[in-house]
N, C-alpha and C. Protein backbone atom coordinates (compact mmCIF):
# COMPACT_ATOMS: atom_id res chain seq x y z
N UNK A 1 0.85 -1.17 0.00
CA UNK A 1 0.00 0.00 0.00
C UNK A 1 0.90 1.24 0.00
N UNK A 2 0.80 2.02 -1.05
CA UNK A 2 1.64 3.21 -1.18
C UNK A 2 0.79 4.47 -1.04
N UNK A 3 1.06 5.23 0.01
CA UNK A 3 0.35 6.49 0.22
C UNK A 3 1.07 7.61 -0.51
N UNK A 4 0.30 8.59 -0.92
CA UNK A 4 0.83 9.77 -1.60
C UNK A 4 0.60 10.97 -0.68
N UNK A 5 1.70 11.61 -0.33
CA UNK A 5 1.69 12.69 0.66
C UNK A 5 1.65 14.05 -0.02
N UNK A 6 0.77 14.89 0.50
CA UNK A 6 0.70 16.28 0.08
C UNK A 6 0.73 17.11 1.36
N UNK A 7 0.85 18.41 1.22
CA UNK A 7 0.97 19.28 2.39
C UNK A 7 -0.20 19.14 3.35
N UNK A 8 -1.41 18.95 2.82
CA UNK A 8 -2.59 18.95 3.68
C UNK A 8 -3.43 17.68 3.58
N UNK A 9 -2.83 16.61 3.05
CA UNK A 9 -3.58 15.35 2.92
C UNK A 9 -2.65 14.20 2.59
N UNK A 10 -3.16 13.01 2.83
CA UNK A 10 -2.49 11.78 2.40
C UNK A 10 -3.53 10.98 1.65
N UNK A 11 -3.14 10.47 0.48
CA UNK A 11 -4.09 9.76 -0.37
C UNK A 11 -3.57 8.38 -0.73
N UNK A 12 -4.50 7.50 -1.03
CA UNK A 12 -4.22 6.19 -1.62
C UNK A 12 -4.90 6.19 -2.98
N UNK A 13 -4.16 5.79 -4.02
CA UNK A 13 -4.70 5.80 -5.38
C UNK A 13 -4.83 4.38 -5.90
N UNK A 14 -5.76 4.21 -6.85
CA UNK A 14 -5.84 2.94 -7.56
C UNK A 14 -4.90 3.01 -8.77
N UNK A 15 -4.92 2.01 -9.61
CA UNK A 15 -4.02 1.93 -10.76
C UNK A 15 -4.20 3.09 -11.73
N UNK A 16 -5.41 3.67 -11.78
CA UNK A 16 -5.68 4.80 -12.67
C UNK A 16 -5.46 6.15 -11.98
N UNK A 17 -4.85 6.11 -10.80
CA UNK A 17 -4.57 7.30 -9.99
C UNK A 17 -5.84 8.00 -9.50
N UNK A 18 -6.90 7.23 -9.35
CA UNK A 18 -8.12 7.73 -8.74
C UNK A 18 -7.96 7.58 -7.23
N UNK A 19 -8.37 8.60 -6.48
CA UNK A 19 -8.28 8.55 -5.02
C UNK A 19 -9.27 7.52 -4.49
N UNK A 20 -8.75 6.54 -3.76
CA UNK A 20 -9.61 5.50 -3.19
C UNK A 20 -9.69 5.61 -1.67
N UNK A 21 -8.80 6.40 -1.08
CA UNK A 21 -8.84 6.65 0.36
C UNK A 21 -8.02 7.91 0.63
N UNK A 22 -8.41 8.65 1.68
CA UNK A 22 -7.66 9.84 2.02
C UNK A 22 -7.94 10.27 3.44
N UNK A 23 -7.02 11.03 3.99
CA UNK A 23 -7.21 11.76 5.23
C UNK A 23 -6.71 13.17 4.93
N UNK A 24 -7.53 14.18 5.28
CA UNK A 24 -7.14 15.56 5.02
C UNK A 24 -6.95 16.30 6.33
N UNK A 25 -6.00 17.25 6.30
CA UNK A 25 -5.66 18.00 7.52
C UNK A 25 -5.19 19.42 7.15
N UNK A 26 -6.16 20.28 6.79
CA UNK A 26 -5.79 21.66 6.45
C UNK A 26 -5.21 22.39 7.66
N UNK A 27 -4.36 23.36 7.39
CA UNK A 27 -3.73 24.14 8.45
C UNK A 27 -4.76 25.02 9.16
N UNK A 28 -4.63 25.08 10.47
CA UNK A 28 -5.40 26.02 11.29
C UNK A 28 -4.53 27.25 11.50
N UNK A 29 -3.26 27.01 11.78
CA UNK A 29 -2.26 28.07 11.88
C UNK A 29 -0.91 27.42 11.58
N UNK A 30 0.17 28.11 11.85
CA UNK A 30 1.50 27.61 11.49
C UNK A 30 1.85 26.29 12.19
N UNK A 31 1.32 26.08 13.39
CA UNK A 31 1.70 24.92 14.19
C UNK A 31 0.63 23.85 14.30
N UNK A 32 -0.57 24.12 13.81
CA UNK A 32 -1.71 23.23 14.05
C UNK A 32 -2.48 22.96 12.77
N UNK A 33 -2.95 21.72 12.65
CA UNK A 33 -3.82 21.33 11.54
C UNK A 33 -5.14 20.82 12.11
N UNK A 34 -6.14 20.72 11.26
CA UNK A 34 -7.42 20.14 11.63
C UNK A 34 -7.59 18.86 10.82
N UNK A 35 -7.51 17.71 11.48
CA UNK A 35 -7.78 16.45 10.79
C UNK A 35 -9.29 16.40 10.63
N UNK A 36 -9.75 16.80 9.45
CA UNK A 36 -11.18 17.07 9.27
C UNK A 36 -11.95 16.06 8.43
N UNK A 37 -11.23 15.13 7.77
CA UNK A 37 -11.97 14.22 6.90
C UNK A 37 -11.16 12.95 6.65
N UNK A 38 -11.85 11.83 6.75
CA UNK A 38 -11.27 10.54 6.38
C UNK A 38 -12.25 9.88 5.42
N UNK A 39 -11.72 9.36 4.32
CA UNK A 39 -12.56 8.71 3.32
C UNK A 39 -11.90 7.41 2.89
N UNK A 40 -12.70 6.36 2.81
CA UNK A 40 -12.24 5.08 2.26
C UNK A 40 -13.33 4.58 1.32
N UNK A 41 -12.95 4.28 0.09
CA UNK A 41 -13.88 3.76 -0.90
C UNK A 41 -14.49 2.45 -0.40
N UNK A 42 -15.73 2.21 -0.78
CA UNK A 42 -16.43 0.99 -0.37
C UNK A 42 -15.63 -0.28 -0.68
N UNK A 43 -14.91 -0.27 -1.79
CA UNK A 43 -14.15 -1.46 -2.21
C UNK A 43 -13.02 -1.80 -1.24
N UNK A 44 -12.62 -0.85 -0.39
CA UNK A 44 -11.50 -1.07 0.53
C UNK A 44 -11.94 -1.16 1.99
N UNK A 45 -13.20 -0.98 2.25
CA UNK A 45 -13.67 -0.97 3.64
C UNK A 45 -13.46 -2.32 4.30
N UNK A 46 -13.21 -2.28 5.60
CA UNK A 46 -13.02 -3.50 6.37
C UNK A 46 -11.62 -4.09 6.27
N UNK A 47 -10.70 -3.37 5.65
CA UNK A 47 -9.33 -3.86 5.46
C UNK A 47 -8.31 -3.09 6.29
N UNK A 48 -8.79 -2.20 7.16
CA UNK A 48 -7.88 -1.45 8.01
C UNK A 48 -7.22 -0.26 7.34
N UNK A 49 -7.72 0.13 6.18
CA UNK A 49 -7.10 1.22 5.43
C UNK A 49 -7.20 2.55 6.18
N UNK A 50 -8.35 2.85 6.76
CA UNK A 50 -8.52 4.11 7.48
C UNK A 50 -7.53 4.20 8.64
N UNK A 51 -7.34 3.11 9.35
CA UNK A 51 -6.39 3.10 10.46
C UNK A 51 -4.96 3.32 10.00
N UNK A 52 -4.61 2.71 8.87
CA UNK A 52 -3.26 2.88 8.32
C UNK A 52 -3.05 4.32 7.85
N UNK A 53 -4.09 4.90 7.26
CA UNK A 53 -4.01 6.31 6.85
C UNK A 53 -3.83 7.22 8.06
N UNK A 54 -4.60 6.97 9.12
CA UNK A 54 -4.52 7.81 10.31
C UNK A 54 -3.16 7.67 10.97
N UNK A 55 -2.62 6.46 11.00
CA UNK A 55 -1.28 6.28 11.56
C UNK A 55 -0.24 7.03 10.73
N UNK A 56 -0.37 6.95 9.42
CA UNK A 56 0.55 7.68 8.54
C UNK A 56 0.44 9.18 8.78
N UNK A 57 -0.78 9.68 8.94
CA UNK A 57 -0.97 11.11 9.20
C UNK A 57 -0.37 11.51 10.54
N UNK A 58 -0.60 10.70 11.56
CA UNK A 58 -0.07 11.01 12.89
C UNK A 58 1.45 11.08 12.85
N UNK A 59 2.08 10.12 12.20
CA UNK A 59 3.55 10.11 12.09
C UNK A 59 4.04 11.30 11.28
N UNK A 60 3.40 11.54 10.15
CA UNK A 60 3.78 12.64 9.26
C UNK A 60 3.71 13.98 9.99
N UNK A 61 2.61 14.21 10.68
CA UNK A 61 2.42 15.48 11.39
C UNK A 61 3.35 15.59 12.60
N UNK A 62 3.52 14.51 13.32
CA UNK A 62 4.40 14.50 14.48
C UNK A 62 5.84 14.80 14.09
N UNK A 63 6.29 14.21 13.00
CA UNK A 63 7.66 14.44 12.51
C UNK A 63 7.88 15.91 12.14
N UNK A 64 6.81 16.60 11.81
CA UNK A 64 6.90 18.02 11.44
C UNK A 64 6.58 18.94 12.61
N UNK A 65 6.40 18.37 13.79
CA UNK A 65 6.13 19.17 14.99
C UNK A 65 4.76 19.81 15.01
N UNK A 66 3.81 19.23 14.28
CA UNK A 66 2.46 19.80 14.20
C UNK A 66 1.57 19.23 15.30
N UNK A 67 0.65 20.06 15.76
CA UNK A 67 -0.42 19.66 16.66
C UNK A 67 -1.66 19.46 15.80
N UNK A 68 -2.65 18.74 16.33
CA UNK A 68 -3.85 18.45 15.54
C UNK A 68 -5.13 18.66 16.35
N UNK A 69 -6.05 19.36 15.72
CA UNK A 69 -7.43 19.42 16.18
C UNK A 69 -8.12 18.25 15.49
N UNK A 70 -8.97 17.54 16.22
CA UNK A 70 -9.61 16.36 15.64
C UNK A 70 -11.05 16.69 15.25
N UNK A 71 -11.23 17.18 14.04
CA UNK A 71 -12.55 17.56 13.55
C UNK A 71 -13.33 16.40 12.96
N UNK A 72 -12.68 15.31 12.69
CA UNK A 72 -13.29 14.12 12.09
C UNK A 72 -13.58 13.10 13.19
N UNK A 73 -14.77 12.54 13.19
CA UNK A 73 -15.12 11.58 14.23
C UNK A 73 -14.23 10.33 14.19
N UNK A 74 -13.82 9.91 13.00
CA UNK A 74 -12.91 8.76 12.94
C UNK A 74 -11.57 9.11 13.59
N UNK A 75 -11.06 10.32 13.34
CA UNK A 75 -9.81 10.75 13.96
C UNK A 75 -9.94 10.75 15.48
N UNK A 76 -11.06 11.24 15.99
CA UNK A 76 -11.29 11.26 17.43
C UNK A 76 -11.22 9.85 18.00
N UNK A 77 -11.88 8.92 17.34
CA UNK A 77 -11.90 7.53 17.78
C UNK A 77 -10.51 6.90 17.69
N UNK A 78 -9.80 7.13 16.60
CA UNK A 78 -8.49 6.54 16.40
C UNK A 78 -7.50 7.05 17.44
N UNK A 79 -7.45 8.36 17.64
CA UNK A 79 -6.50 8.93 18.61
C UNK A 79 -6.82 8.48 20.03
N UNK A 80 -8.10 8.26 20.35
CA UNK A 80 -8.48 7.77 21.68
C UNK A 80 -7.89 6.38 21.94
N UNK A 81 -7.68 5.61 20.87
CA UNK A 81 -7.12 4.26 20.99
C UNK A 81 -5.60 4.23 20.86
N UNK A 82 -4.98 5.39 20.61
CA UNK A 82 -3.53 5.45 20.39
C UNK A 82 -2.92 6.55 21.27
N UNK A 83 -2.79 6.27 22.56
CA UNK A 83 -2.27 7.29 23.48
C UNK A 83 -0.84 7.73 23.19
N UNK A 84 -0.11 6.97 22.40
CA UNK A 84 1.25 7.38 22.06
C UNK A 84 1.28 8.69 21.27
N UNK A 85 0.15 9.08 20.70
CA UNK A 85 0.08 10.34 19.95
C UNK A 85 -0.70 11.43 20.70
N UNK A 86 -1.04 11.17 21.95
CA UNK A 86 -1.87 12.10 22.72
C UNK A 86 -1.28 13.50 22.82
N UNK A 87 0.04 13.60 22.90
CA UNK A 87 0.69 14.90 23.07
C UNK A 87 0.47 15.84 21.89
N UNK A 88 0.13 15.30 20.73
CA UNK A 88 -0.05 16.16 19.56
C UNK A 88 -1.48 16.65 19.39
N UNK A 89 -2.40 16.15 20.22
CA UNK A 89 -3.81 16.49 20.09
C UNK A 89 -4.14 17.76 20.84
N UNK A 90 -4.82 18.68 20.15
CA UNK A 90 -5.30 19.91 20.76
C UNK A 90 -6.77 19.71 21.08
N UNK A 91 -7.11 19.87 22.36
CA UNK A 91 -8.51 19.70 22.78
C UNK A 91 -9.30 20.95 22.43
N UNK A 92 -10.62 20.87 22.61
CA UNK A 92 -11.47 22.05 22.38
C UNK A 92 -10.96 23.19 23.24
N UNK A 93 -11.08 24.39 22.73
CA UNK A 93 -10.58 25.55 23.44
C UNK A 93 -9.11 25.80 23.19
N UNK A 94 -8.48 24.97 22.32
CA UNK A 94 -7.11 25.21 21.93
C UNK A 94 -6.06 24.68 22.87
N UNK A 95 -6.44 23.86 23.86
CA UNK A 95 -5.47 23.32 24.80
C UNK A 95 -5.02 21.94 24.35
N UNK A 96 -3.72 21.70 24.54
CA UNK A 96 -3.20 20.38 24.21
C UNK A 96 -3.65 19.41 25.29
N UNK A 97 -3.78 18.15 24.92
CA UNK A 97 -4.22 17.15 25.90
C UNK A 97 -3.10 16.76 26.83
C-alpha cells in the first residue's frame, strides 16, 4: 500500500490514480492542523485502510512538529485508541491534551 503525501492530505490511489482513500488535515495556523476528513472507498472498507491512513498522518504530522485538532469523528476515535500520539492532540478551546 503506497500512500501519496501532500501538504494537507495523504491519499491512496488505484491503478488509474483515482483517489480511493484519504485523510485531510488543512492548516489552522502555522503549528496546528485540523484532521477534518477521512474517506475510504467501499471497495476497501473493512481492510484497516482508514487506520493505516490515520497512523501515517499522525507520524507525518508528528515528525513536522504539528499539533492536531480532531474535527473528524474517525480521527477522534483513532486517537483515543492510540495514546502514544496524545501529546499532539489539541482539545477544544485550543489546549493540548
